[in-house]
Structure formats: structure tokens, C-alpha cells
PDB file of N, CA and C in Angstrom:
ATOM      1  N   MET A   1     -65.464 -33.485 -47.154  1.00  0.00           N
ATOM      2  CA  MET A   1     -66.060 -34.468 -46.278  1.00  0.00           C
ATOM      3  C   MET A   1     -67.490 -34.051 -45.935  1.00  0.00           C
ATOM      4  N   LEU A   2     -67.701 -32.786 -45.615  1.00  0.00           N
ATOM      5  CA  LEU A   2     -69.034 -32.300 -45.263  1.00  0.00           C
ATOM      6  C   LEU A   2     -69.975 -32.427 -46.445  1.00  0.00           C
ATOM      7  N   LEU A   3     -69.496 -32.176 -47.638  1.00  0.00           N
ATOM      8  CA  LEU A   3     -70.318 -32.273 -48.848  1.00  0.00           C
ATOM      9  C   LEU A   3     -70.787 -33.711 -49.061  1.00  0.00           C
ATOM     10  N   ILE A   4     -69.896 -34.668 -48.889  1.00  0.00           N
ATOM     11  CA  ILE A   4     -70.258 -36.077 -49.054  1.00  0.00           C
ATOM     12  C   ILE A   4     -71.313 -36.472 -48.032  1.00  0.00           C
ATOM     13  N   PHE A   5     -71.132 -36.063 -46.797  1.00  0.00           N
ATOM     14  CA  PHE A   5     -72.087 -36.364 -45.738  1.00  0.00           C
ATOM     15  C   PHE A   5     -73.446 -35.746 -46.054  1.00  0.00           C
ATOM     16  N   SER A   6     -73.445 -34.524 -46.551  1.00  0.00           N
ATOM     17  CA  SER A   6     -74.700 -33.849 -46.916  1.00  0.00           C
ATOM     18  C   SER A   6     -75.402 -34.573 -48.048  1.00  0.00           C
ATOM     19  N   VAL A   7     -74.642 -35.032 -49.031  1.00  0.00           N
ATOM     20  CA  VAL A   7     -75.227 -35.773 -50.150  1.00  0.00           C
ATOM     21  C   VAL A   7     -75.838 -37.070 -49.656  1.00  0.00           C
ATOM     22  N   LEU A   8     -75.134 -37.756 -48.757  1.00  0.00           N
ATOM     23  CA  LEU A   8     -75.667 -39.005 -48.208  1.00  0.00           C
ATOM     24  C   LEU A   8     -76.953 -38.770 -47.434  1.00  0.00           C
ATOM     25  N   ILE A   9     -77.006 -37.725 -46.655  1.00  0.00           N
ATOM     26  CA  ILE A   9     -78.216 -37.407 -45.891  1.00  0.00           C
ATOM     27  C   ILE A   9     -79.365 -37.092 -46.838  1.00  0.00           C
ATOM     28  N   CYS A  10     -79.115 -36.304 -47.866  1.00  0.00           N
ATOM     29  CA  CYS A  10     -80.159 -35.970 -48.840  1.00  0.00           C
ATOM     30  C   CYS A  10     -80.618 -37.209 -49.585  1.00  0.00           C
ATOM     31  N   SER A  11     -79.683 -38.083 -49.967  1.00  0.00           N
ATOM     32  CA  SER A  11     -80.049 -39.311 -50.667  1.00  0.00           C
ATOM     33  C   SER A  11     -80.910 -40.196 -49.785  1.00  0.00           C
ATOM     34  N   GLU A  12     -80.532 -40.300 -48.521  1.00  0.00           N
ATOM     35  CA  GLU A  12     -81.295 -41.118 -47.582  1.00  0.00           C
ATOM     36  C   GLU A  12     -82.684 -40.527 -47.362  1.00  0.00           C
ATOM     37  N   ALA A  13     -82.775 -39.231 -47.230  1.00  0.00           N
ATOM     38  CA  ALA A  13     -84.073 -38.579 -47.041  1.00  0.00           C
ATOM     39  C   ALA A  13     -84.945 -38.779 -48.270  1.00  0.00           C
ATOM     40  N   TYR A  14     -84.351 -38.695 -49.461  1.00  0.00           N
ATOM     41  CA  TYR A  14     -85.088 -38.908 -50.705  1.00  0.00           C
ATOM     42  C   TYR A  14     -85.606 -40.344 -50.761  1.00  0.00           C
ATOM     43  N   TYR A  15     -84.761 -41.302 -50.397  1.00  0.00           N
ATOM     44  CA  TYR A  15     -85.142 -42.720 -50.410  1.00  0.00           C
ATOM     45  C   TYR A  15     -86.319 -42.968 -49.475  1.00  0.00           C
ATOM     46  N   PHE A  16     -86.228 -42.475 -48.238  1.00  0.00           N
ATOM     47  CA  PHE A  16     -87.319 -42.698 -47.291  1.00  0.00           C
ATOM     48  C   PHE A  16     -88.570 -41.930 -47.694  1.00  0.00           C
ATOM     49  N   GLY A  17     -88.400 -40.784 -48.332  1.00  0.00           N
ATOM     50  CA  GLY A  17     -89.547 -40.052 -48.840  1.00  0.00           C
ATOM     51  C   GLY A  17     -90.292 -40.851 -49.891  1.00  0.00           C
ATOM     52  N   ASN A  18     -89.532 -41.549 -50.743  1.00  0.00           N
ATOM     53  CA  ASN A  18     -90.145 -42.403 -51.755  1.00  0.00           C
ATOM     54  C   ASN A  18     -90.872 -43.579 -51.124  1.00  0.00           C
ATOM     55  N   LEU A  19     -90.295 -44.142 -50.073  1.00  0.00           N
ATOM     56  CA  LEU A  19     -90.957 -45.251 -49.382  1.00  0.00           C
ATOM     57  C   LEU A  19     -92.258 -44.782 -48.735  1.00  0.00           C
ATOM     58  N   LEU A  20     -92.238 -43.581 -48.186  1.00  0.00           N
ATOM     59  CA  LEU A  20     -93.461 -43.032 -47.596  1.00  0.00           C
ATOM     60  C   LEU A  20     -94.517 -42.807 -48.672  1.00  0.00           C
ATOM     61  N   LYS A  21     -94.086 -42.431 -49.865  1.00  0.00           N
ATOM     62  CA  LYS A  21     -95.013 -42.260 -50.982  1.00  0.00           C
ATOM     63  C   LYS A  21     -95.723 -43.578 -51.273  1.00  0.00           C
ATOM     64  N   CYS A  22     -94.981 -44.670 -51.261  1.00  0.00           N
ATOM     65  CA  CYS A  22     -95.567 -45.989 -51.512  1.00  0.00           C
ATOM     66  C   CYS A  22     -96.534 -46.374 -50.401  1.00  0.00           C
ATOM     67  N   ASN A  23     -96.203 -46.022 -49.181  1.00  0.00           N
ATOM     68  CA  ASN A  23     -97.102 -46.280 -48.059  1.00  0.00           C
ATOM     69  C   ASN A  23     -98.391 -45.473 -48.208  1.00  0.00           C
ATOM     70  N   ASP A  24     -98.272 -44.248 -48.669  1.00  0.00           N
ATOM     71  CA  ASP A  24     -99.462 -43.412 -48.914  1.00  0.00           C
ATOM     72  C   ASP A  24    -100.353 -44.034 -49.981  1.00  0.00           C
ATOM     73  N   ILE A  25     -99.742 -44.593 -51.016  1.00  0.00           N
ATOM     74  CA  ILE A  25    -100.507 -45.265 -52.068  1.00  0.00           C
ATOM     75  C   ILE A  25    -101.307 -46.417 -51.473  1.00  0.00           C
ATOM     76  N   LEU A  26    -100.672 -47.192 -50.604  1.00  0.00           N
ATOM     77  CA  LEU A  26    -101.348 -48.314 -49.949  1.00  0.00           C
ATOM     78  C   LEU A  26    -102.507 -47.831 -49.093  1.00  0.00           C
ATOM     79  N   ILE A  27    -102.282 -46.807 -48.301  1.00  0.00           N
ATOM     80  CA  ILE A  27    -103.320 -46.292 -47.402  1.00  0.00           C
ATOM     81  C   ILE A  27    -104.504 -45.749 -48.193  1.00  0.00           C
ATOM     82  N   LYS A  28    -104.241 -44.970 -49.231  1.00  0.00           N
ATOM     83  CA  LYS A  28    -105.328 -44.407 -50.040  1.00  0.00           C
ATOM     84  C   LYS A  28    -106.106 -45.499 -50.753  1.00  0.00           C
ATOM     85  N   CYS A  29    -105.409 -46.502 -51.240  1.00  0.00           N
ATOM     86  CA  CYS A  29    -106.067 -47.609 -51.919  1.00  0.00           C
ATOM     87  C   CYS A  29    -106.946 -48.380 -50.935  1.00  0.00           C
ATOM     88  N   LYS A  30    -106.442 -48.621 -49.740  1.00  0.00           N
ATOM     89  CA  LYS A  30    -107.208 -49.351 -48.716  1.00  0.00           C
ATOM     90  C   LYS A  30    -108.511 -48.628 -48.381  1.00  0.00           C
ATOM     91  N   GLU A  31    -108.494 -47.298 -48.464  1.00  0.00           N
ATOM     92  CA  GLU A  31    -109.704 -46.519 -48.173  1.00  0.00           C
ATOM     93  C   GLU A  31    -110.814 -46.801 -49.184  1.00  0.00           C
ATOM     94  N   THR A  32    -110.445 -47.175 -50.402  1.00  0.00           N
ATOM     95  CA  THR A  32    -111.437 -47.443 -51.445  1.00  0.00           C
ATOM     96  C   THR A  32    -111.695 -48.936 -51.638  1.00  0.00           C
ATOM     97  N   GLU A  33    -111.013 -49.750 -50.861  1.00  0.00           N
ATOM     98  CA  GLU A  33    -111.099 -51.197 -51.030  1.00  0.00           C
ATOM     99  C   GLU A  33    -112.520 -51.730 -50.839  1.00  0.00           C
ATOM    100  N   VAL A  34    -113.292 -51.134 -49.968  1.00  0.00           N
ATOM    101  CA  VAL A  34    -114.658 -51.579 -49.738  1.00  0.00           C
ATOM    102  C   VAL A  34    -115.477 -51.416 -51.017  1.00  0.00           C
ATOM    103  N   GLU A  35    -115.243 -50.325 -51.736  1.00  0.00           N
ATOM    104  CA  GLU A  35    -115.994 -50.043 -52.955  1.00  0.00           C
ATOM    105  C   GLU A  35    -115.512 -50.872 -54.142  1.00  0.00           C
ATOM    106  N   ILE A  36    -114.191 -50.970 -54.312  1.00  0.00           N
ATOM    107  CA  ILE A  36    -113.659 -51.635 -55.505  1.00  0.00           C
ATOM    108  C   ILE A  36    -113.299 -53.094 -55.268  1.00  0.00           C
ATOM    109  N   GLY A  37    -113.264 -53.527 -54.023  1.00  0.00           N
ATOM    110  CA  GLY A  37    -112.865 -54.895 -53.701  1.00  0.00           C
ATOM    111  C   GLY A  37    -111.359 -55.001 -53.577  1.00  0.00           C
ATOM    112  N   ASN A  38    -110.915 -56.105 -53.010  1.00  0.00           N
ATOM    113  CA  ASN A  38    -109.468 -56.245 -52.805  1.00  0.00           C
ATOM    114  C   ASN A  38    -108.815 -57.151 -53.846  1.00  0.00           C
ATOM    115  N   ASN A  39    -109.617 -57.675 -54.765  1.00  0.00           N
ATOM    116  CA  ASN A  39    -109.076 -58.502 -55.847  1.00  0.00           C
ATOM    117  C   ASN A  39    -109.720 -58.111 -57.162  1.00  0.00           C
ATOM    118  N   ASN A  40    -109.032 -58.413 -58.233  1.00  0.00           N
ATOM    119  CA  ASN A  40    -109.578 -58.245 -59.567  1.00  0.00           C
ATOM    120  C   ASN A  40    -108.966 -59.347 -60.431  1.00  0.00           C
ATOM    121  N   LYS A  41    -109.291 -59.376 -61.718  1.00  0.00           N
ATOM    122  CA  LYS A  41    -108.797 -60.441 -62.596  1.00  0.00           C
ATOM    123  C   LYS A  41    -107.279 -60.481 -62.650  1.00  0.00           C
ATOM    124  N   ILE A  42    -106.662 -59.318 -62.660  1.00  0.00           N
ATOM    125  CA  ILE A  42    -105.199 -59.253 -62.738  1.00  0.00           C
ATOM    126  C   ILE A  42    -104.577 -59.836 -61.476  1.00  0.00           C
ATOM    127  N   VAL A  43    -105.073 -59.426 -60.321  1.00  0.00           N
ATOM    128  CA  VAL A  43    -104.521 -59.908 -59.052  1.00  0.00           C
ATOM    129  C   VAL A  43    -104.784 -61.403 -58.882  1.00  0.00           C
ATOM    130  N   ASN A  44    -105.993 -61.843 -59.241  1.00  0.00           N
ATOM    131  CA  ASN A  44    -106.306 -63.270 -59.127  1.00  0.00           C
ATOM    132  C   ASN A  44    -105.400 -64.106 -60.024  1.00  0.00           C
ATOM    133  N   GLY A  45    -105.180 -63.639 -61.258  1.00  0.00           N
ATOM    134  CA  GLY A  45    -104.283 -64.338 -62.174  1.00  0.00           C
ATOM    135  C   GLY A  45    -102.851 -64.347 -61.677  1.00  0.00           C
ATOM    136  N   LEU A  46    -102.402 -63.196 -61.178  1.00  0.00           N
ATOM    137  CA  LEU A  46    -101.047 -63.091 -60.632  1.00  0.00           C
ATOM    138  C   LEU A  46    -100.872 -64.045 -59.455  1.00  0.00           C
ATOM    139  N   ASN A  47    -101.841 -64.065 -58.549  1.00  0.00           N
ATOM    140  CA  ASN A  47    -101.756 -64.964 -57.397  1.00  0.00           C
ATOM    141  C   ASN A  47    -101.698 -66.425 -57.836  1.00  0.00           C
ATOM    142  N   GLN A  48    -102.473 -66.785 -58.829  1.00  0.00           N
ATOM    143  CA  GLN A  48    -102.491 -68.165 -59.310  1.00  0.00           C
ATOM    144  C   GLN A  48    -101.145 -68.542 -59.939  1.00  0.00           C
ATOM    145  N   ILE A  49    -100.650 -67.687 -60.820  1.00  0.00           N
ATOM    146  CA  ILE A  49     -99.374 -67.963 -61.493  1.00  0.00           C
ATOM    147  C   ILE A  49     -98.220 -67.985 -60.489  1.00  0.00           C
ATOM    148  N   CYS A  50     -98.187 -66.990 -59.609  1.00  0.00           N
ATOM    149  CA  CYS A  50     -97.066 -66.885 -58.666  1.00  0.00           C
ATOM    150  C   CYS A  50     -97.085 -68.001 -57.625  1.00  0.00           C
ATOM    151  N   SER A  51     -98.272 -68.453 -57.222  1.00  0.00           N
ATOM    152  CA  SER A  51     -98.315 -69.551 -56.250  1.00  0.00           C
ATOM    153  C   SER A  51     -97.770 -70.834 -56.876  1.00  0.00           C
ATOM    154  N   GLN A  52     -97.967 -71.009 -58.181  1.00  0.00           N
ATOM    155  CA  GLN A  52     -97.396 -72.172 -58.865  1.00  0.00           C
ATOM    156  C   GLN A  52     -95.889 -72.005 -59.035  1.00  0.00           C
ATOM    157  N   TYR A  53     -95.461 -70.796 -59.376  1.00  0.00           N
ATOM    158  CA  TYR A  53     -94.043 -70.532 -59.637  1.00  0.00           C
ATOM    159  C   TYR A  53     -93.216 -70.510 -58.345  1.00  0.00           C
ATOM    160  N   ILE A  54     -93.692 -69.804 -57.343  1.00  0.00           N
ATOM    161  CA  ILE A  54     -92.944 -69.619 -56.093  1.00  0.00           C
ATOM    162  C   ILE A  54     -93.160 -70.782 -55.132  1.00  0.00           C
ATOM    163  N   GLY A  55     -94.363 -71.312 -55.104  1.00  0.00           N
ATOM    164  CA  GLY A  55     -94.677 -72.415 -54.193  1.00  0.00           C
ATOM    165  C   GLY A  55     -95.137 -71.897 -52.841  1.00  0.00           C
ATOM    166  N   SER A  56     -94.753 -72.599 -51.796  1.00  0.00           N
ATOM    167  CA  SER A  56     -95.254 -72.288 -50.452  1.00  0.00           C
ATOM    168  C   SER A  56     -94.772 -70.944 -49.922  1.00  0.00           C
ATOM    169  N   LYS A  57     -93.744 -70.376 -50.516  1.00  0.00           N
ATOM    170  CA  LYS A  57     -93.250 -69.063 -50.098  1.00  0.00           C
ATOM    171  C   LYS A  57     -94.222 -67.951 -50.510  1.00  0.00           C
ATOM    172  N   TRP A  58     -95.070 -68.215 -51.497  1.00  0.00           N
ATOM    173  CA  TRP A  58     -95.988 -67.199 -52.013  1.00  0.00           C
ATOM    174  C   TRP A  58     -97.171 -67.015 -51.065  1.00  0.00           C
ATOM    175  N   THR A  59     -97.511 -65.764 -50.804  1.00  0.00           N
ATOM    176  CA  THR A  59     -98.710 -65.390 -50.063  1.00  0.00           C
ATOM    177  C   THR A  59     -99.557 -64.536 -50.981  1.00  0.00           C
ATOM    178  N   ASN A  60    -100.829 -64.916 -51.156  1.00  0.00           N
ATOM    179  CA  ASN A  60    -101.703 -64.139 -52.042  1.00  0.00           C
ATOM    180  C   ASN A  60    -101.724 -62.680 -51.608  1.00  0.00           C
ATOM    181  N   ILE A  61    -101.741 -61.800 -52.601  1.00  0.00           N
ATOM    182  CA  ILE A  61    -101.757 -60.373 -52.326  1.00  0.00           C
ATOM    183  C   ILE A  61    -103.062 -59.766 -52.835  1.00  0.00           C
ATOM    184  N   THR A  62    -103.380 -58.613 -52.310  1.00  0.00           N
ATOM    185  CA  THR A  62    -104.575 -57.891 -52.720  1.00  0.00           C
ATOM    186  C   THR A  62    -104.200 -56.855 -53.780  1.00  0.00           C
ATOM    187  N   HIS A  63    -105.221 -56.255 -54.345  1.00  0.00           N
ATOM    188  CA  HIS A  63    -105.021 -55.191 -55.337  1.00  0.00           C
ATOM    189  C   HIS A  63    -104.185 -54.058 -54.741  1.00  0.00           C
ATOM    190  N   CYS A  64    -104.518 -53.643 -53.536  1.00  0.00           N
ATOM    191  CA  CYS A  64    -103.795 -52.528 -52.904  1.00  0.00           C
ATOM    192  C   CYS A  64    -102.343 -52.891 -52.595  1.00  0.00           C
ATOM    193  N   GLU A  65    -102.128 -54.109 -52.139  1.00  0.00           N
ATOM    194  CA  GLU A  65    -100.754 -54.541 -51.877  1.00  0.00           C
ATOM    195  C   GLU A  65     -99.944 -54.556 -53.170  1.00  0.00           C
ATOM    196  N   LEU A  66    -100.563 -54.982 -54.267  1.00  0.00           N
ATOM    197  CA  LEU A  66     -99.865 -54.983 -55.553  1.00  0.00           C
ATOM    198  C   LEU A  66     -99.486 -53.564 -55.966  1.00  0.00           C
ATOM    199  N   GLU A  67    -100.384 -52.620 -55.779  1.00  0.00           N
ATOM    200  CA  GLU A  67    -100.081 -51.223 -56.125  1.00  0.00           C
ATOM    201  C   GLU A  67     -98.894 -50.706 -55.310  1.00  0.00           C
ATOM    202  N   ALA A  68     -98.876 -51.012 -54.010  1.00  0.00           N
ATOM    203  CA  ALA A  68     -97.778 -50.564 -53.149  1.00  0.00           C
ATOM    204  C   ALA A  68     -96.470 -51.253 -53.519  1.00  0.00           C
ATOM    205  N   VAL A  69     -96.529 -52.553 -53.824  1.00  0.00           N
ATOM    206  CA  VAL A  69     -95.326 -53.290 -54.200  1.00  0.00           C
ATOM    207  C   VAL A  69     -94.769 -52.771 -55.525  1.00  0.00           C
ATOM    208  N   LYS A  70     -95.641 -52.478 -56.485  1.00  0.00           N
ATOM    209  CA  LYS A  70     -95.177 -51.908 -57.749  1.00  0.00           C
ATOM    210  C   LYS A  70     -94.451 -50.593 -57.495  1.00  0.00           C
ATOM    211  N   CYS A  71     -94.970 -49.781 -56.602  1.00  0.00           N
ATOM    212  CA  CYS A  71     -94.318 -48.526 -56.245  1.00  0.00           C
ATOM    213  C   CYS A  71     -92.937 -48.793 -55.641  1.00  0.00           C
ATOM    214  N   LEU A  72     -92.872 -49.727 -54.695  1.00  0.00           N
ATOM    215  CA  LEU A  72     -91.593 -50.040 -54.046  1.00  0.00           C
ATOM    216  C   LEU A  72     -90.574 -50.566 -55.046  1.00  0.00           C
ATOM    217  N   LEU A  73     -91.004 -51.457 -55.943  1.00  0.00           N
ATOM    218  CA  LEU A  73     -90.076 -52.008 -56.929  1.00  0.00           C
ATOM    219  C   LEU A  73     -89.551 -50.923 -57.855  1.00  0.00           C
ATOM    220  N   THR A  74     -90.394 -49.969 -58.185  1.00  0.00           N
ATOM    221  CA  THR A  74     -89.958 -48.837 -59.008  1.00  0.00           C
ATOM    222  C   THR A  74     -88.906 -48.027 -58.258  1.00  0.00           C
ATOM    223  N   GLN A  75     -89.105 -47.836 -56.959  1.00  0.00           N
ATOM    224  CA  GLN A  75     -88.150 -47.071 -56.152  1.00  0.00           C
ATOM    225  C   GLN A  75     -86.836 -47.821 -55.971  1.00  0.00           C
ATOM    226  N   MET A  76     -86.884 -49.146 -56.092  1.00  0.00           N
ATOM    227  CA  MET A  76     -85.688 -49.971 -55.911  1.00  0.00           C
ATOM    228  C   MET A  76     -85.000 -50.165 -57.261  1.00  0.00           C
ATOM    229  N   ASN A  77     -84.563 -49.062 -57.843  1.00  0.00           N
ATOM    230  CA  ASN A  77     -83.852 -49.068 -59.128  1.00  0.00           C
ATOM    231  C   ASN A  77     -84.671 -49.699 -60.250  1.00  0.00           C
ATOM    232  N   GLY A  78     -85.978 -49.532 -60.183  1.00  0.00           N
ATOM    233  CA  GLY A  78     -86.833 -49.997 -61.268  1.00  0.00           C
ATOM    234  C   GLY A  78     -86.833 -51.500 -61.455  1.00  0.00           C
ATOM    235  N   LEU A  79     -86.835 -52.241 -60.345  1.00  0.00           N
ATOM    236  CA  LEU A  79     -86.856 -53.695 -60.463  1.00  0.00           C
ATOM    237  C   LEU A  79     -88.123 -54.143 -61.171  1.00  0.00           C
ATOM    238  N   GLU A  80     -88.011 -55.230 -61.893  1.00  0.00           N
ATOM    239  CA  GLU A  80     -89.130 -55.775 -62.650  1.00  0.00           C
ATOM    240  C   GLU A  80     -90.229 -56.269 -61.704  1.00  0.00           C
ATOM    241  N   VAL A  81     -91.470 -56.043 -62.106  1.00  0.00           N
ATOM    242  CA  VAL A  81     -92.608 -56.544 -61.331  1.00  0.00           C
ATOM    243  C   VAL A  81     -92.834 -57.984 -61.770  1.00  0.00           C
ATOM    244  N   ASN A  82     -92.267 -58.909 -60.997  1.00  0.00           N
ATOM    245  CA  ASN A  82     -92.454 -60.334 -61.281  1.00  0.00           C
ATOM    246  C   ASN A  82     -92.682 -61.075 -59.970  1.00  0.00           C
ATOM    247  N   CYS A  83     -93.033 -62.327 -60.063  1.00  0.00           N
ATOM    248  CA  CYS A  83     -93.388 -63.111 -58.875  1.00  0.00           C
ATOM    249  C   CYS A  83     -92.288 -63.104 -57.820  1.00  0.00           C
ATOM    250  N   GLU A  84     -91.073 -63.332 -58.246  1.00  0.00           N
ATOM    251  CA  GLU A  84     -89.956 -63.407 -57.300  1.00  0.00           C
ATOM    252  C   GLU A  84     -89.729 -62.072 -56.583  1.00  0.00           C
ATOM    253  N   ASN A  85     -89.716 -60.973 -57.331  1.00  0.00           N
ATOM    254  CA  ASN A  85     -89.491 -59.664 -56.721  1.00  0.00           C
ATOM    255  C   ASN A  85     -90.653 -59.269 -55.811  1.00  0.00           C
ATOM    256  N   ILE A  86     -91.873 -59.564 -56.229  1.00  0.00           N
ATOM    257  CA  ILE A  86     -93.030 -59.260 -55.384  1.00  0.00           C
ATOM    258  C   ILE A  86     -92.924 -60.042 -54.079  1.00  0.00           C
ATOM    259  N   SER A  87     -92.605 -61.320 -54.185  1.00  0.00           N
ATOM    260  CA  SER A  87     -92.473 -62.160 -52.989  1.00  0.00           C
ATOM    261  C   SER A  87     -91.382 -61.631 -52.058  1.00  0.00           C
ATOM    262  N   ASP A  88     -90.245 -61.236 -52.634  1.00  0.00           N
ATOM    263  CA  ASP A  88     -89.146 -60.706 -51.816  1.00  0.00           C
ATOM    264  C   ASP A  88     -89.564 -59.439 -51.085  1.00  0.00           C
ATOM    265  N   VAL A  89     -90.246 -58.541 -51.776  1.00  0.00           N
ATOM    266  CA  VAL A  89     -90.670 -57.280 -51.159  1.00  0.00           C
ATOM    267  C   VAL A  89     -91.722 -57.533 -50.084  1.00  0.00           C
ATOM    268  N   MET A  90     -92.634 -58.448 -50.333  1.00  0.00           N
ATOM    269  CA  MET A  90     -93.696 -58.723 -49.368  1.00  0.00           C
ATOM    270  C   MET A  90     -93.158 -59.361 -48.088  1.00  0.00           C
ATOM    271  N   HIS A  91     -92.018 -60.014 -48.165  1.00  0.00           N
ATOM    272  CA  HIS A  91     -91.448 -60.696 -46.998  1.00  0.00           C
ATOM    273  C   HIS A  91     -90.289 -59.943 -46.366  1.00  0.00           C
ATOM    274  N   LEU A  92     -90.172 -58.642 -46.642  1.00  0.00           N
ATOM    275  CA  LEU A  92     -89.084 -57.846 -46.049  1.00  0.00           C
ATOM    276  C   LEU A  92     -89.200 -57.813 -44.543  1.00  0.00           C
TER     277      LEU A  92
END
């Protein structure tokens, strides 16, 4: 019983550690946003395609938000980076 509890605690700590890693990616990216801008061709294209696909549920994202969401989706059992998954993560 103690072993199972210890494994669960370690798994939970690992999970939250990964989430903090994604938050760090967002923070570091935001620090450079003034220099690199918050949009690029990829983000603009993604926003255009996803707003058509998702509709009113879609909120345009920035370059830094996309980087953080990609990190989160990877941590969530490697979910695919697509409009629906990005929208779901952004609205958590």
C-alpha cells in the first residue's frame, strides 16, 4: 500500500513538474516577445484556419502561447497539435 501511494505521489510530482516546465517556456518566450513579436506566419495561418474550423469558440493565440500549448499537449500523452486540442487546452 505504501509503495502504491509513493508511486502516485512521484507521478503527480512529475506531472506538475512538467506543467511548470511549460509555464517556464511561456515566461521565457514572453520576455523576448518585444523583439520577435507575438505573431508570425505560422501563428497567423493557424489562427485563420482554426477560427474557420472551430468558429466562435476559437481565440487567436500568440507565438508564445502556441509554444506553451505545444509543450502541454506533449505532456498530455503526446496529444496532436491541432485546432481542437489547442482550443481545449487554451480554455482549461
